[in-house]
Amino acid sequence: MNIGIVGPGRVAARFAKSINSMPNATLFGVCGRTATTVEDFINKTDSDQSCIQSINFDEFIQNDLLDIIIIATPDNMHTELVLKALQFNKQLLIEKPLCTSLEEAENIMAAARNSTSTIALGYHLRWHAGLRLLKQKLQTLNSNEIYHIDLNWGHTFIQEAKWRQNSGLWWCMTTLGTHCIDIIRWYFVPICGEVDDLNIISSNAKFNTTDETLMMTMRFKNGTTANINCSILLNEPFSLRIHTEKGLIYADDMMGLPANRKIVFYDEVLPFNCDNDLYSDEINDLMRAIQENSEPEVTLSDGYKNMCNMYG
């Protein structure tokens, strides 16, 4: 399939390199704000020089040879681009989070109902081999068995995600928090029901702009509780603690070096390898959904519900 990327930035470069290594996909075009930015992106990602280079999104999306569009722009640009793409029934992969407000999310949901587009959300951690293995194991539990969940993750994203600092919107939430919400919902909504109560506390004590560290408390429909703690100020290895009637299930350092990653399901150490390309996996999943006329792994509805949790 021919794939176009809009927003030639850091995450888009990961998509481009994945597409360039896939036998069943072609990086057909790149659209950005300036011709120089687009050309530099194509050169840095070793993309085919015949790839379409555009600075006009309206013209870009109307190309009939373009099968899939990846929206990888800053979050506050998503809504306008997605709504235009839906008018032409383009297949979409939208980098997380969906958008920047619940009103925008509602508008996208309404437009999608009048479109034939298949839409996936770019929560690439759903293809993390260890997290997928733990997901499979958790499905063997019943709702009354799970008491409480703790998820902790910190990474010094001060420079890498600096553009979010002055956006007037979320910083830590849209860098790490939205991933944490997605993983918690992915794991536990099928077992425990939807989140029916949620509270968020955040701090901006260092830079005095927007959230730098945040804590979320959740309660699921069945009464199971969860805490999420994340920060862009410190390095805190991704850890998950699941307290159940039978004991403790835990995962440690899941985003660290492969040798340091560990999952223990009660007393059983679960072996796994994380050598797959998460970005090509999510692109392949969208292509599968398009071909089968089915839903992708991470649906528009998932993106919308994650937004609802982000805004409490």
C-alpha atoms as a PDB file:
ATOM      1  CA  MET A   1       0.000   0.000   0.000  1.00  0.00           C
ATOM      2  CA  ASN A   2       1.067   3.577  -0.638  1.00  0.00           C
ATOM      3  CA  ILE A   3       1.509   5.493   2.604  1.00  0.00           C
ATOM      4  CA  GLY A   4       1.819   9.232   3.129  1.00  0.00           C
ATOM      5  CA  ILE A   5       3.164  10.928   6.244  1.00  0.00           C
ATOM      6  CA  VAL A   6       2.003  14.362   7.378  1.00  0.00           C
ATOM      7  CA  GLY A   7       4.270  16.070   9.898  1.00  0.00           C
ATOM      8  CA  PRO A   8       7.913  15.118   9.212  1.00  0.00           C
ATOM      9  CA  GLY A   9       9.216  15.088  12.778  1.00  0.00           C
ATOM     10  CA  ARG A  10      10.853  12.726  15.290  1.00  0.00           C
ATOM     11  CA  VAL A  11       8.077  10.123  15.481  1.00  0.00           C
ATOM     12  CA  ALA A  12       7.400  10.374  11.740  1.00  0.00           C
ATOM     13  CA  ALA A  13      11.029   9.384  11.121  1.00  0.00           C
ATOM     14  CA  ARG A  14      10.392   6.117  12.961  1.00  0.00           C
ATOM     15  CA  PHE A  15       7.369   5.438  10.773  1.00  0.00           C
ATOM     16  CA  ALA A  16       9.347   6.250   7.622  1.00  0.00           C
ATOM     17  CA  LYS A  17      12.212   3.911   8.475  1.00  0.00           C
ATOM     18  CA  SER A  18       9.722   1.141   9.262  1.00  0.00           C
ATOM     19  CA  ILE A  19       7.824   1.661   5.997  1.00  0.00           C
ATOM     20  CA  ASN A  20      11.083   1.651   4.025  1.00  0.00           C
ATOM     21  CA  SER A  21      11.885  -1.803   5.433  1.00  0.00           C
ATOM     22  CA  MET A  22       8.438  -3.289   4.733  1.00  0.00           C
ATOM     23  CA  PRO A  23       7.953  -5.398   1.576  1.00  0.00           C
ATOM     24  CA  ASN A  24       4.221  -4.660   1.434  1.00  0.00           C
ATOM     25  CA  ALA A  25       4.301  -0.862   1.823  1.00  0.00           C
ATOM     26  CA  THR A  26       5.813   2.174   0.109  1.00  0.00           C
ATOM     27  CA  LEU A  27       6.476   5.631   1.497  1.00  0.00           C
ATOM     28  CA  PHE A  28       4.578   7.378  -1.291  1.00  0.00           C
ATOM     29  CA  GLY A  29       4.647  10.955  -0.015  1.00  0.00           C
ATOM     30  CA  VAL A  30       5.582  13.342   2.778  1.00  0.00           C
ATOM     31  CA  CYS A  31       3.756  16.565   3.593  1.00  0.00           C
ATOM     32  CA  GLY A  32       5.181  19.274   5.832  1.00  0.00           C
ATOM     33  CA  ARG A  33       5.208  23.010   6.435  1.00  0.00           C
ATOM     34  CA  THR A  34       8.210  23.854   4.255  1.00  0.00           C
ATOM     35  CA  ALA A  35       9.901  22.260   1.252  1.00  0.00           C
ATOM     36  CA  THR A  36      13.236  22.262   3.076  1.00  0.00           C
ATOM     37  CA  THR A  37      11.794  20.383   6.045  1.00  0.00           C
ATOM     38  CA  VAL A  38      10.257  17.740   3.801  1.00  0.00           C
ATOM     39  CA  GLU A  39      13.417  17.318   1.702  1.00  0.00           C
ATOM     40  CA  ASP A  40      15.623  17.017   4.799  1.00  0.00           C
ATOM     41  CA  PHE A  41      13.271  14.430   6.244  1.00  0.00           C
ATOM     42  CA  ILE A  42      13.395  12.280   3.108  1.00  0.00           C
ATOM     43  CA  ASN A  43      17.188  12.449   3.051  1.00  0.00           C
ATOM     44  CA  LYS A  44      17.594  11.652   6.749  1.00  0.00           C
ATOM     45  CA  THR A  45      15.277   8.652   6.565  1.00  0.00           C
ATOM     46  CA  ASP A  46      16.957   7.273   3.407  1.00  0.00           C
ATOM     47  CA  SER A  47      13.615   7.424   1.608  1.00  0.00           C
ATOM     48  CA  ASP A  48      13.163   7.116  -2.141  1.00  0.00           C
ATOM     49  CA  GLN A  49      13.877  10.465  -3.776  1.00  0.00           C
ATOM     50  CA  SER A  50      10.860   9.911  -6.062  1.00  0.00           C
ATOM     51  CA  CYS A  51       8.637  10.153  -2.976  1.00  0.00           C
ATOM     52  CA  ILE A  52       6.094  12.965  -3.390  1.00  0.00           C
ATOM     53  CA  GLN A  53       7.124  16.094  -1.494  1.00  0.00           C
ATOM     54  CA  SER A  54       4.296  18.438  -0.564  1.00  0.00           C
ATOM     55  CA  ILE A  55       3.581  21.507   1.529  1.00  0.00           C
ATOM     56  CA  ASN A  56      -0.122  21.575   0.609  1.00  0.00           C
ATOM     57  CA  PHE A  57      -2.211  19.136   2.639  1.00  0.00           C
ATOM     58  CA  ASP A  58      -5.395  19.747   0.629  1.00  0.00           C
ATOM     59  CA  GLU A  59      -3.663  18.650  -2.567  1.00  0.00           C
ATOM     60  CA  PHE A  60      -1.794  15.849  -0.809  1.00  0.00           C
ATOM     61  CA  ILE A  61      -4.886  14.028   0.480  1.00  0.00           C
ATOM     62  CA  GLN A  62      -6.656  14.185  -2.873  1.00  0.00           C
ATOM     63  CA  ASN A  63      -4.047  11.995  -4.569  1.00  0.00           C
ATOM     64  CA  ASP A  64      -5.960   8.854  -5.576  1.00  0.00           C
ATOM     65  CA  LEU A  65      -2.809   6.720  -5.354  1.00  0.00           C
ATOM     66  CA  LEU A  66      -2.441   7.440  -1.633  1.00  0.00           C
ATOM     67  CA  ASP A  67      -3.895   4.535   0.382  1.00  0.00           C
ATOM     68  CA  ILE A  68      -3.027   5.460   3.985  1.00  0.00           C
ATOM     69  CA  ILE A  69      -2.190   8.755   5.671  1.00  0.00           C
ATOM     70  CA  ILE A  70      -0.215   8.872   8.915  1.00  0.00           C
ATOM     71  CA  ILE A  71      -0.957  12.026  10.927  1.00  0.00           C
ATOM     72  CA  ALA A  72       2.214  12.752  12.908  1.00  0.00           C
ATOM     73  CA  THR A  73       1.922  16.522  13.352  1.00  0.00           C
ATOM     74  CA  PRO A  74       1.825  18.316  16.713  1.00  0.00           C
ATOM     75  CA  ASP A  75      -1.337  17.339  18.592  1.00  0.00           C
ATOM     76  CA  ASN A  76      -3.109  20.673  18.135  1.00  0.00           C
ATOM     77  CA  MET A  77      -3.066  20.219  14.344  1.00  0.00           C
ATOM     78  CA  HIS A  78      -4.672  16.759  14.321  1.00  0.00           C
ATOM     79  CA  THR A  79      -8.335  17.728  14.237  1.00  0.00           C
ATOM     80  CA  GLU A  80      -8.279  19.957  11.141  1.00  0.00           C
ATOM     81  CA  LEU A  81      -6.194  17.437   9.186  1.00  0.00           C
ATOM     82  CA  VAL A  82      -8.243  14.417  10.270  1.00  0.00           C
ATOM     83  CA  LEU A  83     -11.552  16.089   9.411  1.00  0.00           C
ATOM     84  CA  LYS A  84     -10.293  16.981   5.929  1.00  0.00           C
ATOM     85  CA  ALA A  85      -8.959  13.468   5.338  1.00  0.00           C
ATOM     86  CA  LEU A  86     -12.278  11.953   6.408  1.00  0.00           C
ATOM     87  CA  GLN A  87     -14.069  13.995   3.732  1.00  0.00           C
ATOM     88  CA  PHE A  88     -12.085  11.977   1.177  1.00  0.00           C
ATOM     89  CA  ASN A  89     -12.558   8.679   3.070  1.00  0.00           C
ATOM     90  CA  LYS A  90      -8.808   8.233   3.526  1.00  0.00           C
ATOM     91  CA  GLN A  91      -7.506   5.410   5.707  1.00  0.00           C
ATOM     92  CA  LEU A  92      -5.785   6.962   8.724  1.00  0.00           C
ATOM     93  CA  LEU A  93      -3.197   6.215  11.380  1.00  0.00           C
ATOM     94  CA  ILE A  94      -3.294   9.070  13.901  1.00  0.00           C
ATOM     95  CA  GLU A  95      -0.354   9.395  16.261  1.00  0.00           C
ATOM     96  CA  LYS A  96      -1.440   9.550  19.894  1.00  0.00           C
ATOM     97  CA  PRO A  97      -3.240  11.349  21.424  1.00  0.00           C
ATOM     98  CA  LEU A  98      -6.247  11.738  19.150  1.00  0.00           C
ATOM     99  CA  CYS A  99      -6.468  15.538  19.566  1.00  0.00           C
ATOM    100  CA  THR A 100      -6.336  18.247  22.231  1.00  0.00           C
ATOM    101  CA  SER A 101      -9.868  18.611  23.606  1.00  0.00           C
ATOM    102  CA  LEU A 102     -13.006  16.591  24.162  1.00  0.00           C
ATOM    103  CA  GLU A 103     -14.942  18.927  21.849  1.00  0.00           C
ATOM    104  CA  GLU A 104     -12.483  18.169  19.052  1.00  0.00           C
ATOM    105  CA  ALA A 105     -12.716  14.453  19.824  1.00  0.00           C
ATOM    106  CA  GLU A 106     -16.509  14.602  19.557  1.00  0.00           C
ATOM    107  CA  ASN A 107     -16.232  16.358  16.185  1.00  0.00           C
ATOM    108  CA  ILE A 108     -13.884  13.664  14.879  1.00  0.00           C
ATOM    109  CA  MET A 109     -16.168  10.887  16.136  1.00  0.00           C
ATOM    110  CA  ALA A 110     -19.158  12.503  14.369  1.00  0.00           C
ATOM    111  CA  ALA A 111     -17.250  12.917  11.100  1.00  0.00           C
ATOM    112  CA  ALA A 112     -16.019   9.310  11.231  1.00  0.00           C
ATOM    113  CA  ARG A 113     -19.589   8.041  11.430  1.00  0.00           C
ATOM    114  CA  ASN A 114     -20.223   9.625   8.022  1.00  0.00           C
ATOM    115  CA  SER A 115     -17.036   8.244   6.475  1.00  0.00           C
ATOM    116  CA  THR A 116     -15.911   4.861   5.186  1.00  0.00           C
ATOM    117  CA  SER A 117     -12.375   5.417   6.517  1.00  0.00           C
ATOM    118  CA  THR A 118     -10.602   2.855   8.666  1.00  0.00           C
ATOM    119  CA  ILE A 119      -8.927   4.736  11.517  1.00  0.00           C
ATOM    120  CA  ALA A 120      -6.214   3.478  13.866  1.00  0.00           C
ATOM    121  CA  LEU A 121      -4.534   5.282  16.769  1.00  0.00           C
ATOM    122  CA  GLY A 122      -0.757   5.230  17.091  1.00  0.00           C
ATOM    123  CA  TYR A 123      -0.284   3.633  20.504  1.00  0.00           C
ATOM    124  CA  HIS A 124       2.740   1.619  19.403  1.00  0.00           C
ATOM    125  CA  LEU A 125       3.294   0.042  22.841  1.00  0.00           C
ATOM    126  CA  ARG A 126       0.386  -2.297  22.110  1.00  0.00           C
ATOM    127  CA  TRP A 127       2.912  -4.245  19.981  1.00  0.00           C
ATOM    128  CA  HIS A 128       5.544  -4.511  22.727  1.00  0.00           C
ATOM    129  CA  ALA A 129       6.066  -8.294  22.908  1.00  0.00           C
ATOM    130  CA  GLY A 130       6.310  -8.350  26.716  1.00  0.00           C
ATOM    131  CA  LEU A 131       3.238  -6.195  27.230  1.00  0.00           C
ATOM    132  CA  ARG A 132       1.271  -8.354  24.777  1.00  0.00           C
ATOM    133  CA  LEU A 133       2.330 -11.522  26.578  1.00  0.00           C
ATOM    134  CA  LEU A 134       1.219 -10.099  29.914  1.00  0.00           C
ATOM    135  CA  LYS A 135      -2.079  -9.051  28.332  1.00  0.00           C
ATOM    136  CA  GLN A 136      -2.683 -12.667  27.258  1.00  0.00           C
ATOM    137  CA  LYS A 137      -1.936 -13.974  30.737  1.00  0.00           C
ATOM    138  CA  LEU A 138      -4.189 -11.413  32.415  1.00  0.00           C
ATOM    139  CA  GLN A 139      -7.153 -12.587  30.346  1.00  0.00           C
ATOM    140  CA  THR A 140      -7.122 -15.790  32.414  1.00  0.00           C
ATOM    141  CA  LEU A 141      -8.126 -13.799  35.525  1.00  0.00           C
ATOM    142  CA  ASN A 142     -11.662 -12.979  36.575  1.00  0.00           C
ATOM    143  CA  SER A 143     -12.964  -9.588  37.661  1.00  0.00           C
ATOM    144  CA  ASN A 144     -13.227 -10.441  41.356  1.00  0.00           C
ATOM    145  CA  GLU A 145      -9.624 -11.618  41.484  1.00  0.00           C
ATOM    146  CA  ILE A 146      -7.947  -8.242  40.810  1.00  0.00           C
ATOM    147  CA  TYR A 147      -7.716  -5.796  43.714  1.00  0.00           C
ATOM    148  CA  HIS A 148      -5.371  -2.986  42.667  1.00  0.00           C
ATOM    149  CA  ILE A 149      -2.898  -1.910  39.944  1.00  0.00           C
ATOM    150  CA  ASP A 150       0.112   0.436  40.135  1.00  0.00           C
ATOM    151  CA  LEU A 151       1.831   1.712  36.988  1.00  0.00           C
ATOM    152  CA  ASN A 152       4.942   3.922  37.256  1.00  0.00           C
ATOM    153  CA  TRP A 153       6.923   5.431  34.382  1.00  0.00           C
ATOM    154  CA  GLY A 154       9.272   8.382  34.148  1.00  0.00           C
ATOM    155  CA  HIS A 155      11.628   9.535  31.416  1.00  0.00           C
ATOM    156  CA  THR A 156      13.551  12.785  31.023  1.00  0.00           C
ATOM    157  CA  PHE A 157      11.691  13.989  27.947  1.00  0.00           C
ATOM    158  CA  ILE A 158      12.545  17.625  28.675  1.00  0.00           C
ATOM    159  CA  GLN A 159      14.422  18.088  25.391  1.00  0.00           C
ATOM    160  CA  GLU A 160      12.819  15.433  23.164  1.00  0.00           C
ATOM    161  CA  ALA A 161       9.293  16.619  23.904  1.00  0.00           C
ATOM    162  CA  LYS A 162      10.153  20.262  24.552  1.00  0.00           C
ATOM    163  CA  TRP A 163       7.690  21.530  21.927  1.00  0.00           C
ATOM    164  CA  ARG A 164       4.879  20.347  24.208  1.00  0.00           C
ATOM    165  CA  GLN A 165       6.150  22.521  27.078  1.00  0.00           C
ATOM    166  CA  ASN A 166       4.873  25.796  25.665  1.00  0.00           C
ATOM    167  CA  SER A 167       1.864  24.405  23.831  1.00  0.00           C
ATOM    168  CA  GLY A 168      -0.484  25.466  26.631  1.00  0.00           C
ATOM    169  CA  LEU A 169      -1.705  21.877  26.748  1.00  0.00           C
ATOM    170  CA  TRP A 170      -0.534  18.672  28.395  1.00  0.00           C
ATOM    171  CA  TRP A 171       3.205  17.868  28.464  1.00  0.00           C
ATOM    172  CA  CYS A 172       3.740  14.773  30.613  1.00  0.00           C
ATOM    173  CA  MET A 173       0.218  13.557  29.869  1.00  0.00           C
ATOM    174  CA  THR A 174       0.613  13.559  26.085  1.00  0.00           C
ATOM    175  CA  THR A 175       4.182  12.228  26.208  1.00  0.00           C
ATOM    176  CA  LEU A 176       3.794   9.347  28.699  1.00  0.00           C
ATOM    177  CA  GLY A 177       0.454   9.563  30.486  1.00  0.00           C
ATOM    178  CA  THR A 178      -1.699   8.778  27.471  1.00  0.00           C
ATOM    179  CA  HIS A 179       0.322   5.592  26.868  1.00  0.00           C
ATOM    180  CA  CYS A 180      -0.182   4.603  30.500  1.00  0.00           C
ATOM    181  CA  ILE A 181      -3.932   5.170  30.247  1.00  0.00           C
ATOM    182  CA  ASP A 182      -4.095   3.127  27.056  1.00  0.00           C
ATOM    183  CA  ILE A 183      -2.208   0.194  28.581  1.00  0.00           C
ATOM    184  CA  ILE A 184      -4.343   0.216  31.737  1.00  0.00           C
ATOM    185  CA  ARG A 185      -7.575   0.310  29.707  1.00  0.00           C
ATOM    186  CA  TRP A 186      -6.301  -2.297  27.229  1.00  0.00           C
ATOM    187  CA  TYR A 187      -5.469  -4.674  30.057  1.00  0.00           C
ATOM    188  CA  PHE A 188      -8.307  -4.205  32.487  1.00  0.00           C
ATOM    189  CA  VAL A 189     -11.452  -2.853  30.793  1.00  0.00           C
ATOM    190  CA  PRO A 190     -12.230  -6.325  29.315  1.00  0.00           C
ATOM    191  CA  ILE A 191     -11.942  -7.842  32.802  1.00  0.00           C
ATOM    192  CA  CYS A 192     -13.041  -5.087  35.172  1.00  0.00           C
ATOM    193  CA  GLY A 193     -15.357  -2.905  33.059  1.00  0.00           C
ATOM    194  CA  GLU A 194     -14.854   0.729  32.083  1.00  0.00           C
ATOM    195  CA  VAL A 195     -13.293   3.363  34.343  1.00  0.00           C
ATOM    196  CA  ASP A 196     -16.155   4.940  36.299  1.00  0.00           C
ATOM    197  CA  ASP A 197     -14.185   7.334  38.531  1.00  0.00           C
ATOM    198  CA  LEU A 198     -10.916   9.152  37.913  1.00  0.00           C
ATOM    199  CA  ASN A 199      -8.887  11.918  39.549  1.00  0.00           C
ATOM    200  CA  ILE A 200      -5.726  13.682  38.334  1.00  0.00           C
ATOM    201  CA  ILE A 201      -3.159  15.710  40.264  1.00  0.00           C
ATOM    202  CA  SER A 202      -0.312  17.346  38.328  1.00  0.00           C
ATOM    203  CA  SER A 203       2.641  19.568  39.147  1.00  0.00           C
ATOM    204  CA  ASN A 204       4.545  22.185  37.124  1.00  0.00           C
ATOM    205  CA  ALA A 205       6.865  23.309  39.910  1.00  0.00           C
ATOM    206  CA  LYS A 206      10.099  23.297  37.864  1.00  0.00           C
ATOM    207  CA  PHE A 207       9.212  25.128  34.636  1.00  0.00           C
ATOM    208  CA  ASN A 208       5.876  26.679  35.661  1.00  0.00           C
ATOM    209  CA  THR A 209       4.281  26.004  32.300  1.00  0.00           C
ATOM    210  CA  THR A 210       2.218  22.829  32.153  1.00  0.00           C
ATOM    211  CA  ASP A 211       2.241  19.343  33.682  1.00  0.00           C
ATOM    212  CA  GLU A 212       5.671  17.869  34.408  1.00  0.00           C
ATOM    213  CA  THR A 213       4.674  15.146  36.858  1.00  0.00           C
ATOM    214  CA  LEU A 214       1.211  13.708  37.316  1.00  0.00           C
ATOM    215  CA  MET A 215      -0.662  11.150  39.377  1.00  0.00           C
ATOM    216  CA  MET A 216      -3.930   9.524  38.359  1.00  0.00           C
ATOM    217  CA  THR A 217      -6.255   7.413  40.460  1.00  0.00           C
ATOM    218  CA  MET A 218      -8.840   5.219  38.758  1.00  0.00           C
ATOM    219  CA  ARG A 219     -11.685   2.978  39.769  1.00  0.00           C
ATOM    220  CA  PHE A 220     -13.141   0.429  37.379  1.00  0.00           C
ATOM    221  CA  LYS A 221     -16.774  -0.577  37.240  1.00  0.00           C
ATOM    222  CA  ASN A 222     -16.163  -3.737  39.288  1.00  0.00           C
ATOM    223  CA  GLY A 223     -14.407  -1.758  42.056  1.00  0.00           C
ATOM    224  CA  THR A 224     -10.789  -2.527  41.129  1.00  0.00           C
ATOM    225  CA  THR A 225      -8.551   0.517  41.668  1.00  0.00           C
ATOM    226  CA  ALA A 226      -5.445   1.728  39.852  1.00  0.00           C
ATOM    227  CA  ASN A 227      -2.729   4.365  40.265  1.00  0.00           C
ATOM    228  CA  ILE A 228      -0.663   5.861  37.444  1.00  0.00           C
ATOM    229  CA  ASN A 229       2.424   7.924  38.277  1.00  0.00           C
ATOM    230  CA  CYS A 230       4.473   9.446  35.467  1.00  0.00           C
ATOM    231  CA  SER A 231       6.954  12.266  34.931  1.00  0.00           C
ATOM    232  CA  ILE A 232       9.099  13.863  32.229  1.00  0.00           C
ATOM    233  CA  LEU A 233      11.560  15.151  34.856  1.00  0.00           C
ATOM    234  CA  LEU A 234      13.048  11.870  36.017  1.00  0.00           C
ATOM    235  CA  ASN A 235      14.004   8.418  34.840  1.00  0.00           C
ATOM    236  CA  GLU A 236      11.686   5.904  36.478  1.00  0.00           C
ATOM    237  CA  PRO A 237      11.750   2.430  34.867  1.00  0.00           C
ATOM    238  CA  PHE A 238       8.367   1.309  33.600  1.00  0.00           C
ATOM    239  CA  SER A 239       6.925  -0.930  36.298  1.00  0.00           C
ATOM    240  CA  LEU A 240       3.560  -2.558  36.750  1.00  0.00           C
ATOM    241  CA  ARG A 241       2.245  -4.115  39.985  1.00  0.00           C
ATOM    242  CA  ILE A 242      -1.010  -6.070  39.902  1.00  0.00           C
ATOM    243  CA  HIS A 243      -2.314  -7.111  43.312  1.00  0.00           C
ATOM    244  CA  THR A 244      -4.731 -10.014  43.177  1.00  0.00           C
ATOM    245  CA  GLU A 245      -6.454 -12.495  45.424  1.00  0.00           C
ATOM    246  CA  LYS A 246      -3.735 -15.043  44.655  1.00  0.00           C
ATOM    247  CA  GLY A 247      -0.757 -12.732  45.087  1.00  0.00           C
ATOM    248  CA  LEU A 248       1.406 -10.371  43.049  1.00  0.00           C
ATOM    249  CA  ILE A 249       1.915 -10.121  39.281  1.00  0.00           C
ATOM    250  CA  TYR A 250       4.590  -7.671  38.205  1.00  0.00           C
ATOM    251  CA  ALA A 251       6.584  -6.310  35.263  1.00  0.00           C
ATOM    252  CA  ASP A 252       9.843  -4.372  35.649  1.00  0.00           C
ATOM    253  CA  ASP A 253      11.860  -2.054  33.385  1.00  0.00           C
ATOM    254  CA  MET A 254       9.726  -2.877  30.345  1.00  0.00           C
ATOM    255  CA  MET A 255      11.082   0.059  28.311  1.00  0.00           C
ATOM    256  CA  GLY A 256      14.681  -0.479  29.390  1.00  0.00           C
ATOM    257  CA  LEU A 257      17.413  -2.670  27.962  1.00  0.00           C
ATOM    258  CA  PRO A 258      15.994  -6.018  26.787  1.00  0.00           C
ATOM    259  CA  ALA A 259      18.165  -7.921  29.261  1.00  0.00           C
ATOM    260  CA  ASN A 260      16.660  -5.944  32.158  1.00  0.00           C
ATOM    261  CA  ARG A 261      13.004  -6.475  31.253  1.00  0.00           C
ATOM    262  CA  LYS A 262      11.170  -8.918  33.471  1.00  0.00           C
ATOM    263  CA  ILE A 263       7.641 -10.246  33.933  1.00  0.00           C
ATOM    264  CA  VAL A 264       6.642 -12.462  36.845  1.00  0.00           C
ATOM    265  CA  PHE A 265       3.138 -13.938  36.780  1.00  0.00           C
ATOM    266  CA  TYR A 266       2.753 -15.008  40.404  1.00  0.00           C
ATOM    267  CA  ASP A 267       5.824 -17.254  40.752  1.00  0.00           C
ATOM    268  CA  GLU A 268       6.319 -17.888  37.031  1.00  0.00           C
ATOM    269  CA  VAL A 269       8.936 -15.865  35.134  1.00  0.00           C
ATOM    270  CA  LEU A 270       7.602 -15.265  31.616  1.00  0.00           C
ATOM    271  CA  PRO A 271      10.273 -15.365  28.872  1.00  0.00           C
ATOM    272  CA  PHE A 272       9.844 -13.048  25.871  1.00  0.00           C
ATOM    273  CA  ASN A 273      11.849 -11.318  23.136  1.00  0.00           C
ATOM    274  CA  CYS A 274      11.376  -7.693  22.088  1.00  0.00           C
ATOM    275  CA  ASP A 275      13.072  -7.702  18.702  1.00  0.00           C
ATOM    276  CA  ASN A 276      10.044  -6.724  16.593  1.00  0.00           C
ATOM    277  CA  ASP A 277       9.516  -3.290  14.998  1.00  0.00           C
ATOM    278  CA  LEU A 278       6.567  -1.759  16.852  1.00  0.00           C
ATOM    279  CA  TYR A 279       5.873   0.820  14.144  1.00  0.00           C
ATOM    280  CA  SER A 280       5.797  -1.635  11.252  1.00  0.00           C
ATOM    281  CA  ASP A 281       3.575  -3.897  13.362  1.00  0.00           C
ATOM    282  CA  GLU A 282       0.975  -1.174  13.852  1.00  0.00           C
ATOM    283  CA  ILE A 283       1.093  -0.234  10.167  1.00  0.00           C
ATOM    284  CA  ASN A 284       0.655  -3.887   9.204  1.00  0.00           C
ATOM    285  CA  ASP A 285      -2.284  -4.124  11.578  1.00  0.00           C
ATOM    286  CA  LEU A 286      -3.998  -1.163   9.893  1.00  0.00           C
ATOM    287  CA  MET A 287      -3.390  -2.689   6.453  1.00  0.00           C
ATOM    288  CA  ARG A 288      -4.888  -5.957   7.696  1.00  0.00           C
ATOM    289  CA  ALA A 289      -7.963  -4.127   8.989  1.00  0.00           C
ATOM    290  CA  ILE A 290      -8.398  -2.323   5.659  1.00  0.00           C
ATOM    291  CA  GLN A 291      -8.089  -5.520   3.652  1.00  0.00           C
ATOM    292  CA  GLU A 292     -10.437  -7.460   5.941  1.00  0.00           C
ATOM    293  CA  ASN A 293     -12.852  -4.549   6.426  1.00  0.00           C
ATOM    294  CA  SER A 294     -12.489  -5.019  10.187  1.00  0.00           C
ATOM    295  CA  GLU A 295     -11.352  -2.937  13.134  1.00  0.00           C
ATOM    296  CA  PRO A 296      -7.665  -2.239  13.825  1.00  0.00           C
ATOM    297  CA  GLU A 297      -6.082  -3.172  17.142  1.00  0.00           C
ATOM    298  CA  VAL A 298      -6.369   0.394  18.484  1.00  0.00           C
ATOM    299  CA  THR A 299      -9.613   1.904  17.273  1.00  0.00           C
ATOM    300  CA  LEU A 300     -10.875   5.478  17.045  1.00  0.00           C
ATOM    301  CA  SER A 301     -13.156   4.614  19.955  1.00  0.00           C
ATOM    302  CA  ASP A 302     -10.092   3.654  22.026  1.00  0.00           C
ATOM    303  CA  GLY A 303      -8.508   6.990  21.191  1.00  0.00           C
ATOM    304  CA  TYR A 304     -11.687   8.821  22.184  1.00  0.00           C
ATOM    305  CA  LYS A 305     -12.021   6.969  25.508  1.00  0.00           C
ATOM    306  CA  ASN A 306      -8.379   7.614  26.296  1.00  0.00           C
ATOM    307  CA  MET A 307      -9.068  11.305  25.705  1.00  0.00           C
ATOM    308  CA  CYS A 308     -11.993  11.167  28.125  1.00  0.00           C
ATOM    309  CA  ASN A 309      -9.678   9.707  30.774  1.00  0.00           C
ATOM    310  CA  MET A 310      -6.961  12.285  30.040  1.00  0.00           C
ATOM    311  CA  TYR A 311      -9.422  15.069  30.800  1.00  0.00           C
ATOM    312  CA  GLY A 312     -10.861  13.364  33.854  1.00  0.00           C
END
